[in-house]
Amino acid sequence: AFREICEANELRVAAAKARFQEMSSVYKTSGELDRSQACMRPCPPDAMPYMGSVPGYEGAYINAGHNCWGIAWAPACGKAMAELILDGESRCVNLTPFDPARYTPDGAHADENNEGTTSGNNGRKGCHRN
């Protein structure tokens, strides 16, 4: 849901500041918090990212909704998506739990050739609506 204003939770700000002070001796002794701000995190209802082919579109893929883990997971997710796009399936990560189609009305891709999975582009090129 979109929110006009997203205020920073002061308890979370204080916890983050304490952790940064543990990680940095400079910040611990002389660091000052300039400001605090918050934003909405991209997070699906089940807290698992969308990774795979976009339901109903040939050649379109998504890798989003990683919440606060996006940067940490970027190398593995990037490799998995590259394998999917280039080779037709991911070998390094099982993408089935992250299927973007899990929130479509029938839980399956509009493309019947994919049979509700995120593996394979079935030799298709380009990106257009099925």
Foldseek 3Di string as FASTA:
>chain_A
DDDPADADDVVVVVVVLVVVVVVDVCCVVPNDDPDDGDDDFQAPPVRAAAFAADAQKQPHTDTDHNGPCCVVCVVVSVQQNCCQNVVQGGDSDQCFVNHPLCPPPVQAGPPVVCVNGRGGSPPDDDIDGD
